[in-house]
């Protein structure tokens, strides 16, 4: 894979990681302050779940945090491969 392709992948992974982290922070700040039975969780216009109960919001936030850290670690891996 050439340098431009690797840096493109790094940029996409960093962007994806930041977006996932932002969604996790949004869900964490929401907490249990919801009206009705629950909330719908959407990411990049894709519906993840249409009815998440109040108790499950924090687990979705943790899932988004873990996914963001995995994406950022993967981007660091591509940077490490590129620097050799």
PDB file of N, CA and C in Angstrom:
ATOM      1  N   UNK A   1       0.837  -1.161   0.000  1.00  0.00           N
ATOM      2  CA  UNK A   1       0.000   0.000   0.000  1.00  0.00           C
ATOM      3  C   UNK A   1       0.898   1.244   0.000  1.00  0.00           C
ATOM      4  N   UNK A   2       0.563   2.200  -0.837  1.00  0.00           N
ATOM      5  CA  UNK A   2       1.399   3.392  -0.932  1.00  0.00           C
ATOM      6  C   UNK A   2       1.119   4.365   0.214  1.00  0.00           C
ATOM      7  N   UNK A   3       1.939   5.406   0.316  1.00  0.00           N
ATOM      8  CA  UNK A   3       1.847   6.351   1.432  1.00  0.00           C
ATOM      9  C   UNK A   3       0.528   7.116   1.435  1.00  0.00           C
ATOM     10  N   UNK A   4       0.076   7.519   0.276  1.00  0.00           N
ATOM     11  CA  UNK A   4      -1.165   8.289   0.211  1.00  0.00           C
ATOM     12  C   UNK A   4      -2.339   7.438   0.686  1.00  0.00           C
ATOM     13  N   UNK A   5      -2.364   6.190   0.304  1.00  0.00           N
ATOM     14  CA  UNK A   5      -3.431   5.294   0.749  1.00  0.00           C
ATOM     15  C   UNK A   5      -3.420   5.078   2.248  1.00  0.00           C
ATOM     16  N   UNK A   6      -2.238   4.923   2.819  1.00  0.00           N
ATOM     17  CA  UNK A   6      -2.142   4.741   4.271  1.00  0.00           C
ATOM     18  C   UNK A   6      -2.585   5.986   5.016  1.00  0.00           C
ATOM     19  N   UNK A   7      -2.165   7.150   4.561  1.00  0.00           N
ATOM     20  CA  UNK A   7      -2.561   8.376   5.248  1.00  0.00           C
ATOM     21  C   UNK A   7      -4.050   8.644   5.090  1.00  0.00           C
ATOM     22  N   UNK A   8      -4.631   8.246   3.972  1.00  0.00           N
ATOM     23  CA  UNK A   8      -6.079   8.375   3.802  1.00  0.00           C
ATOM     24  C   UNK A   8      -6.802   7.498   4.820  1.00  0.00           C
ATOM     25  N   UNK A   9      -6.336   6.265   4.977  1.00  0.00           N
ATOM     26  CA  UNK A   9      -6.938   5.359   5.951  1.00  0.00           C
ATOM     27  C   UNK A   9      -6.771   5.910   7.364  1.00  0.00           C
ATOM     28  N   UNK A  10      -5.602   6.461   7.671  1.00  0.00           N
ATOM     29  CA  UNK A  10      -5.366   7.055   8.990  1.00  0.00           C
ATOM     30  C   UNK A  10      -6.345   8.198   9.241  1.00  0.00           C
ATOM     31  N   UNK A  11      -6.525   9.071   8.266  1.00  0.00           N
ATOM     32  CA  UNK A  11      -7.444  10.199   8.436  1.00  0.00           C
ATOM     33  C   UNK A  11      -8.880   9.731   8.629  1.00  0.00           C
ATOM     34  N   UNK A  12      -9.291   8.732   7.861  1.00  0.00           N
ATOM     35  CA  UNK A  12     -10.650   8.204   7.994  1.00  0.00           C
ATOM     36  C   UNK A  12     -10.844   7.556   9.366  1.00  0.00           C
ATOM     37  N   UNK A  13      -9.862   6.787   9.818  1.00  0.00           N
ATOM     38  CA  UNK A  13      -9.974   6.145  11.127  1.00  0.00           C
ATOM     39  C   UNK A  13      -9.992   7.164  12.261  1.00  0.00           C
ATOM     40  N   UNK A  14      -9.188   8.212  12.158  1.00  0.00           N
ATOM     41  CA  UNK A  14      -9.198   9.253  13.184  1.00  0.00           C
ATOM     42  C   UNK A  14     -10.542   9.978  13.195  1.00  0.00           C
ATOM     43  N   UNK A  15     -11.053  10.314  12.024  1.00  0.00           N
ATOM     44  CA  UNK A  15     -12.361  10.964  11.942  1.00  0.00           C
ATOM     45  C   UNK A  15     -13.447  10.073  12.531  1.00  0.00           C
ATOM     46  N   UNK A  16     -13.436   8.804  12.175  1.00  0.00           N
ATOM     47  CA  UNK A  16     -14.414   7.851  12.675  1.00  0.00           C
ATOM     48  C   UNK A  16     -14.295   7.708  14.194  1.00  0.00           C
ATOM     49  N   UNK A  17     -13.065   7.660  14.705  1.00  0.00           N
ATOM     50  CA  UNK A  17     -12.847   7.562  16.143  1.00  0.00           C
ATOM     51  C   UNK A  17     -13.359   8.780  16.893  1.00  0.00           C
ATOM     52  N   UNK A  18     -13.133   9.958  16.340  1.00  0.00           N
ATOM     53  CA  UNK A  18     -13.606  11.184  16.987  1.00  0.00           C
ATOM     54  C   UNK A  18     -15.129  11.237  16.976  1.00  0.00           C
ATOM     55  N   UNK A  19     -15.742  10.834  15.872  1.00  0.00           N
ATOM     56  CA  UNK A  19     -17.207  10.821  15.806  1.00  0.00           C
ATOM     57  C   UNK A  19     -17.799   9.822  16.799  1.00  0.00           C
ATOM     58  N   UNK A  20     -17.180   8.658  16.925  1.00  0.00           N
ATOM     59  CA  UNK A  20     -17.647   7.676  17.902  1.00  0.00           C
ATOM     60  C   UNK A  20     -17.482   8.197  19.328  1.00  0.00           C
ATOM     61  N   UNK A  21     -16.366   8.842  19.602  1.00  0.00           N
ATOM     62  CA  UNK A  21     -16.134   9.408  20.930  1.00  0.00           C
ATOM     63  C   UNK A  21     -17.165  10.488  21.245  1.00  0.00           C
ATOM     64  N   UNK A  22     -17.472  11.327  20.261  1.00  0.00           N
ATOM     65  CA  UNK A  22     -18.468  12.374  20.441  1.00  0.00           C
ATOM     66  C   UNK A  22     -19.845  11.786  20.741  1.00  0.00           C
ATOM     67  N   UNK A  23     -20.215  10.736  20.034  1.00  0.00           N
ATOM     68  CA  UNK A  23     -21.514  10.091  20.277  1.00  0.00           C
ATOM     69  C   UNK A  23     -21.548   9.468  21.670  1.00  0.00           C
ATOM     70  N   UNK A  24     -20.449   8.866  22.095  1.00  0.00           N
ATOM     71  CA  UNK A  24     -20.379   8.309  23.440  1.00  0.00           C
ATOM     72  C   UNK A  24     -20.523   9.381  24.500  1.00  0.00           C
ATOM     73  N   UNK A  25     -19.882  10.531  24.288  1.00  0.00           N
ATOM     74  CA  UNK A  25     -20.006  11.644  25.234  1.00  0.00           C
ATOM     75  C   UNK A  25     -21.423  12.195  25.263  1.00  0.00           C
ATOM     76  N   UNK A  26     -22.071  12.254  24.091  1.00  0.00           N
ATOM     77  CA  UNK A  26     -23.462  12.709  24.049  1.00  0.00           C
ATOM     78  C   UNK A  26     -24.369  11.778  24.843  1.00  0.00           C
ATOM     79  N   UNK A  27     -24.182  10.480  24.653  1.00  0.00           N
ATOM     80  CA  UNK A  27     -25.011   9.525  25.384  1.00  0.00           C
ATOM     81  C   UNK A  27     -24.705   9.554  26.875  1.00  0.00           C
ATOM     82  N   UNK A  28     -23.430   9.722  27.230  1.00  0.00           N
ATOM     83  CA  UNK A  28     -23.057   9.766  28.648  1.00  0.00           C
ATOM     84  C   UNK A  28     -23.650  11.008  29.314  1.00  0.00           C
ATOM     85  N   UNK A  29     -23.642  12.144  28.615  1.00  0.00           N
ATOM     86  CA  UNK A  29     -24.185  13.367  29.204  1.00  0.00           C
ATOM     87  C   UNK A  29     -25.709  13.313  29.286  1.00  0.00           C
ATOM     88  N   UNK A  30     -26.346  12.561  28.404  1.00  0.00           N
ATOM     89  CA  UNK A  30     -27.796  12.417  28.439  1.00  0.00           C
ATOM     90  C   UNK A  30     -28.223  11.653  29.684  1.00  0.00           C
ATOM     91  N   UNK A  31     -27.485  10.625  30.024  1.00  0.00           N
ATOM     92  CA  UNK A  31     -27.794   9.844  31.218  1.00  0.00           C
ATOM     93  C   UNK A  31     -29.173   9.242  31.163  1.00  0.00           C
ATOM     94  N   UNK A  32     -29.936   9.457  32.211  1.00  0.00           N
ATOM     95  CA  UNK A  32     -31.300   8.918  32.251  1.00  0.00           C
ATOM     96  C   UNK A  32     -32.336  10.019  32.107  1.00  0.00           C
ATOM     97  N   UNK A  33     -31.930  11.146  31.579  1.00  0.00           N
ATOM     98  CA  UNK A  33     -32.836  12.274  31.390  1.00  0.00           C
ATOM     99  C   UNK A  33     -33.564  12.126  30.056  1.00  0.00           C
ATOM    100  N   UNK A  34     -34.477  11.164  29.983  1.00  0.00           N
ATOM    101  CA  UNK A  34     -35.230  10.915  28.759  1.00  0.00           C
ATOM    102  C   UNK A  34     -36.713  10.965  29.080  1.00  0.00           C
ATOM    103  N   UNK A  35     -37.488  11.261  28.066  1.00  0.00           N
ATOM    104  CA  UNK A  35     -38.930  11.234  28.253  1.00  0.00           C
ATOM    105  C   UNK A  35     -39.488   9.990  27.557  1.00  0.00           C
ATOM    106  N   UNK A  36     -40.484   9.407  28.139  1.00  0.00           N
ATOM    107  CA  UNK A  36     -41.073   8.210  27.558  1.00  0.00           C
ATOM    108  C   UNK A  36     -40.339   6.954  27.990  1.00  0.00           C
ATOM    109  N   UNK A  37     -40.422   5.937  27.131  1.00  0.00           N
ATOM    110  CA  UNK A  37     -39.845   4.631  27.457  1.00  0.00           C
ATOM    111  C   UNK A  37     -38.344   4.565  27.243  1.00  0.00           C
ATOM    112  N   UNK A  38     -37.831   5.335  26.316  1.00  0.00           N
ATOM    113  CA  UNK A  38     -36.401   5.289  26.027  1.00  0.00           C
ATOM    114  C   UNK A  38     -36.063   6.235  24.895  1.00  0.00           C
ATOM    115  N   UNK A  39     -34.893   6.015  24.304  1.00  0.00           N
ATOM    116  CA  UNK A  39     -34.442   6.874  23.212  1.00  0.00           C
ATOM    117  C   UNK A  39     -34.051   6.006  22.023  1.00  0.00           C
ATOM    118  N   UNK A  40     -33.929   6.633  20.884  1.00  0.00           N
ATOM    119  CA  UNK A  40     -33.384   5.984  19.705  1.00  0.00           C
ATOM    120  C   UNK A  40     -31.927   6.374  19.549  1.00  0.00           C
ATOM    121  N   UNK A  41     -31.099   5.416  19.201  1.00  0.00           N
ATOM    122  CA  UNK A  41     -29.672   5.681  19.039  1.00  0.00           C
ATOM    123  C   UNK A  41     -29.351   5.623  17.549  1.00  0.00           C
ATOM    124  N   UNK A  42     -28.842   6.723  17.031  1.00  0.00           N
ATOM    125  CA  UNK A  42     -28.469   6.841  15.628  1.00  0.00           C
ATOM    126  C   UNK A  42     -27.000   7.224  15.544  1.00  0.00           C
ATOM    127  N   UNK A  43     -26.302   6.665  14.551  1.00  0.00           N
ATOM    128  CA  UNK A  43     -24.915   7.048  14.300  1.00  0.00           C
ATOM    129  C   UNK A  43     -24.723   7.192  12.806  1.00  0.00           C
ATOM    130  N   UNK A  44     -24.316   8.370  12.386  1.00  0.00           N
ATOM    131  CA  UNK A  44     -24.115   8.720  10.972  1.00  0.00           C
ATOM    132  C   UNK A  44     -25.365   8.439  10.144  1.00  0.00           C
ATOM    133  N   UNK A  45     -26.510   8.720  10.718  1.00  0.00           N
ATOM    134  CA  UNK A  45     -27.769   8.538  10.017  1.00  0.00           C
ATOM    135  C   UNK A  45     -28.285   7.116   9.988  1.00  0.00           C
ATOM    136  N   UNK A  46     -27.597   6.202  10.622  1.00  0.00           N
ATOM    137  CA  UNK A  46     -28.006   4.797  10.659  1.00  0.00           C
ATOM    138  C   UNK A  46     -28.593   4.512  12.033  1.00  0.00           C
ATOM    139  N   UNK A  47     -29.758   3.902  12.037  1.00  0.00           N
ATOM    140  CA  UNK A  47     -30.411   3.585  13.294  1.00  0.00           C
ATOM    141  C   UNK A  47     -29.758   2.356  13.917  1.00  0.00           C
ATOM    142  N   UNK A  48     -29.224   2.521  15.117  1.00  0.00           N
ATOM    143  CA  UNK A  48     -28.626   1.407  15.847  1.00  0.00           C
ATOM    144  C   UNK A  48     -29.718   0.652  16.587  1.00  0.00           C
ATOM    145  N   UNK A  49     -30.542   1.383  17.330  1.00  0.00           N
ATOM    146  CA  UNK A  49     -31.651   0.805  18.070  1.00  0.00           C
ATOM    147  C   UNK A  49     -32.701   1.885  18.227  1.00  0.00           C
ATOM    148  N   UNK A  50     -33.959   1.548  17.995  1.00  0.00           N
ATOM    149  CA  UNK A  50     -34.997   2.576  18.049  1.00  0.00           C
ATOM    150  C   UNK A  50     -35.576   2.774  19.444  1.00  0.00           C
ATOM    151  N   UNK A  51     -35.377   1.838  20.353  1.00  0.00           N
ATOM    152  CA  UNK A  51     -35.893   2.011  21.702  1.00  0.00           C
ATOM    153  C   UNK A  51     -34.908   1.435  22.718  1.00  0.00           C
ATOM    154  N   UNK A  52     -34.034   2.294  23.210  1.00  0.00           N
ATOM    155  CA  UNK A  52     -33.082   1.909  24.244  1.00  0.00           C
ATOM    156  C   UNK A  52     -33.656   2.357  25.577  1.00  0.00           C
ATOM    157  N   UNK A  53     -33.858   1.437  26.510  1.00  0.00           N
ATOM    158  CA  UNK A  53     -34.387   1.853  27.810  1.00  0.00           C
ATOM    159  C   UNK A  53     -33.370   2.701  28.572  1.00  0.00           C
ATOM    160  N   UNK A  54     -33.854   3.392  29.582  1.00  0.00           N
ATOM    161  CA  UNK A  54     -32.991   4.300  30.346  1.00  0.00           C
ATOM    162  C   UNK A  54     -31.794   3.571  30.950  1.00  0.00           C
ATOM    163  N   UNK A  55     -31.983   2.341  31.378  1.00  0.00           N
ATOM    164  CA  UNK A  55     -30.898   1.590  32.003  1.00  0.00           C
ATOM    165  C   UNK A  55     -29.804   1.209  31.008  1.00  0.00           C
ATOM    166  N   UNK A  56     -30.141   1.116  29.736  1.00  0.00           N
ATOM    167  CA  UNK A  56     -29.186   0.669  28.731  1.00  0.00           C
ATOM    168  C   UNK A  56     -28.388   1.775  28.065  1.00  0.00           C
ATOM    169  N   UNK A  57     -28.686   3.021  28.365  1.00  0.00           N
ATOM    170  CA  UNK A  57     -28.007   4.135  27.703  1.00  0.00           C
ATOM    171  C   UNK A  57     -26.523   4.146  28.048  1.00  0.00           C
ATOM    172  N   UNK A  58     -26.195   3.882  29.303  1.00  0.00           N
ATOM    173  CA  UNK A  58     -24.783   3.916  29.696  1.00  0.00           C
ATOM    174  C   UNK A  58     -23.986   2.796  29.031  1.00  0.00           C
ATOM    175  N   UNK A  59     -24.601   1.649  28.789  1.00  0.00           N
ATOM    176  CA  UNK A  59     -23.878   0.568  28.108  1.00  0.00           C
ATOM    177  C   UNK A  59     -23.632   0.919  26.643  1.00  0.00           C
ATOM    178  N   UNK A  60     -24.550   1.624  26.016  1.00  0.00           N
ATOM    179  CA  UNK A  60     -24.322   2.080  24.648  1.00  0.00           C
ATOM    180  C   UNK A  60     -23.194   3.113  24.619  1.00  0.00           C
ATOM    181  N   UNK A  61     -23.151   3.992  25.627  1.00  0.00           N
ATOM    182  CA  UNK A  61     -22.080   4.992  25.700  1.00  0.00           C
ATOM    183  C   UNK A  61     -20.725   4.307  25.841  1.00  0.00           C
ATOM    184  N   UNK A  62     -20.640   3.295  26.694  1.00  0.00           N
ATOM    185  CA  UNK A  62     -19.384   2.556  26.868  1.00  0.00           C
ATOM    186  C   UNK A  62     -18.999   1.857  25.567  1.00  0.00           C
ATOM    187  N   UNK A  63     -19.974   1.312  24.863  1.00  0.00           N
ATOM    188  CA  UNK A  63     -19.693   0.674  23.575  1.00  0.00           C
ATOM    189  C   UNK A  63     -19.129   1.651  22.557  1.00  0.00           C
ATOM    190  N   UNK A  64     -19.668   2.858  22.524  1.00  0.00           N
ATOM    191  CA  UNK A  64     -19.138   3.874  21.614  1.00  0.00           C
ATOM    192  C   UNK A  64     -17.731   4.296  22.025  1.00  0.00           C
ATOM    193  N   UNK A  65     -17.464   4.397  23.339  1.00  0.00           N
ATOM    194  CA  UNK A  65     -16.117   4.727  23.802  1.00  0.00           C
ATOM    195  C   UNK A  65     -15.111   3.660  23.386  1.00  0.00           C
ATOM    196  N   UNK A  66     -15.455   2.406  23.589  1.00  0.00           N
ATOM    197  CA  UNK A  66     -14.549   1.307  23.229  1.00  0.00           C
ATOM    198  C   UNK A  66     -14.295   1.293  21.732  1.00  0.00           C
ATOM    199  N   UNK A  67     -15.350   1.484  20.941  1.00  0.00           N
ATOM    200  CA  UNK A  67     -15.187   1.514  19.482  1.00  0.00           C
ATOM    201  C   UNK A  67     -14.299   2.669  19.042  1.00  0.00           C
ATOM    202  N   UNK A  68     -14.440   3.817  19.693  1.00  0.00           N
ATOM    203  CA  UNK A  68     -13.610   4.958  19.310  1.00  0.00           C
ATOM    204  C   UNK A  68     -12.146   4.697  19.639  1.00  0.00           C
ATOM    205  N   UNK A  69     -11.861   4.108  20.797  1.00  0.00           N
ATOM    206  CA  UNK A  69     -10.480   3.821  21.148  1.00  0.00           C
ATOM    207  C   UNK A  69      -9.878   2.765  20.223  1.00  0.00           C
ATOM    208  N   UNK A  70     -10.675   1.788  19.799  1.00  0.00           N
ATOM    209  CA  UNK A  70     -10.169   0.796  18.847  1.00  0.00           C
ATOM    210  C   UNK A  70      -9.843   1.435  17.499  1.00  0.00           C
ATOM    211  N   UNK A  71     -10.693   2.358  17.048  1.00  0.00           N
ATOM    212  CA  UNK A  71     -10.429   3.043  15.780  1.00  0.00           C
ATOM    213  C   UNK A  71      -9.180   3.909  15.883  1.00  0.00           C
ATOM    214  N   UNK A  72      -8.999   4.575  17.023  1.00  0.00           N
ATOM    215  CA  UNK A  72      -7.816   5.418  17.186  1.00  0.00           C
ATOM    216  C   UNK A  72      -6.548   4.582  17.319  1.00  0.00           C
ATOM    217  N   UNK A  73      -6.630   3.435  17.968  1.00  0.00           N
ATOM    218  CA  UNK A  73      -5.470   2.541  18.056  1.00  0.00           C
ATOM    219  C   UNK A  73      -5.127   1.981  16.680  1.00  0.00           C
ATOM    220  N   UNK A  74      -6.150   1.658  15.894  1.00  0.00           N
ATOM    221  CA  UNK A  74      -5.899   1.169  14.536  1.00  0.00           C
ATOM    222  C   UNK A  74      -5.226   2.250  13.694  1.00  0.00           C
ATOM    223  N   UNK A  75      -5.621   3.500  13.878  1.00  0.00           N
ATOM    224  CA  UNK A  75      -4.975   4.577  13.114  1.00  0.00           C
ATOM    225  C   UNK A  75      -3.523   4.743  13.541  1.00  0.00           C
ATOM    226  N   UNK A  76      -3.243   4.585  14.839  1.00  0.00           N
ATOM    227  CA  UNK A  76      -1.852   4.649  15.292  1.00  0.00           C
ATOM    228  C   UNK A  76      -1.024   3.505  14.718  1.00  0.00           C
ATOM    229  N   UNK A  77      -1.648   2.369  14.540  1.00  0.00           N
ATOM    230  CA  UNK A  77      -0.951   1.238  13.932  1.00  0.00           C
ATOM    231  C   UNK A  77      -0.554   1.549  12.490  1.00  0.00           C
ATOM    232  N   UNK A  78      -1.475   2.167  11.748  1.00  0.00           N
ATOM    233  CA  UNK A  78      -1.142   2.536  10.380  1.00  0.00           C
ATOM    234  C   UNK A  78      -0.062   3.600  10.337  1.00  0.00           C
ATOM    235  N   UNK A  79      -0.044   4.512  11.298  1.00  0.00           N
ATOM    236  CA  UNK A  79       1.020   5.515  11.338  1.00  0.00           C
ATOM    237  C   UNK A  79       2.351   4.832  11.640  1.00  0.00           C
ATOM    238  N   UNK A  80       2.345   3.899  12.563  1.00  0.00           N
ATOM    239  CA  UNK A  80       3.573   3.161  12.898  1.00  0.00           C
ATOM    240  C   UNK A  80       4.099   2.379  11.726  1.00  0.00           C
ATOM    241  N   UNK A  81       3.216   1.785  10.933  1.00  0.00           N
ATOM    242  CA  UNK A  81       3.651   1.038   9.744  1.00  0.00           C
ATOM    243  C   UNK A  81       4.228   2.010   8.715  1.00  0.00           C
ATOM    244  N   UNK A  82       3.638   3.204   8.628  1.00  0.00           N
ATOM    245  CA  UNK A  82       4.064   4.183   7.638  1.00  0.00           C
ATOM    246  C   UNK A  82       5.437   4.777   7.981  1.00  0.00           C
ATOM    247  N   UNK A  83       5.779   4.857   9.253  1.00  0.00           N
ATOM    248  CA  UNK A  83       7.032   5.485   9.645  1.00  0.00           C
ATOM    249  C   UNK A  83       8.252   4.573   9.473  1.00  0.00           C
ATOM    250  N   UNK A  84       8.060   3.294   9.266  1.00  0.00           N
ATOM    251  CA  UNK A  84       9.179   2.364   9.121  1.00  0.00           C
ATOM    252  C   UNK A  84       9.858   2.508   7.785  1.00  0.00           C
TER     253      UNK A  84
END
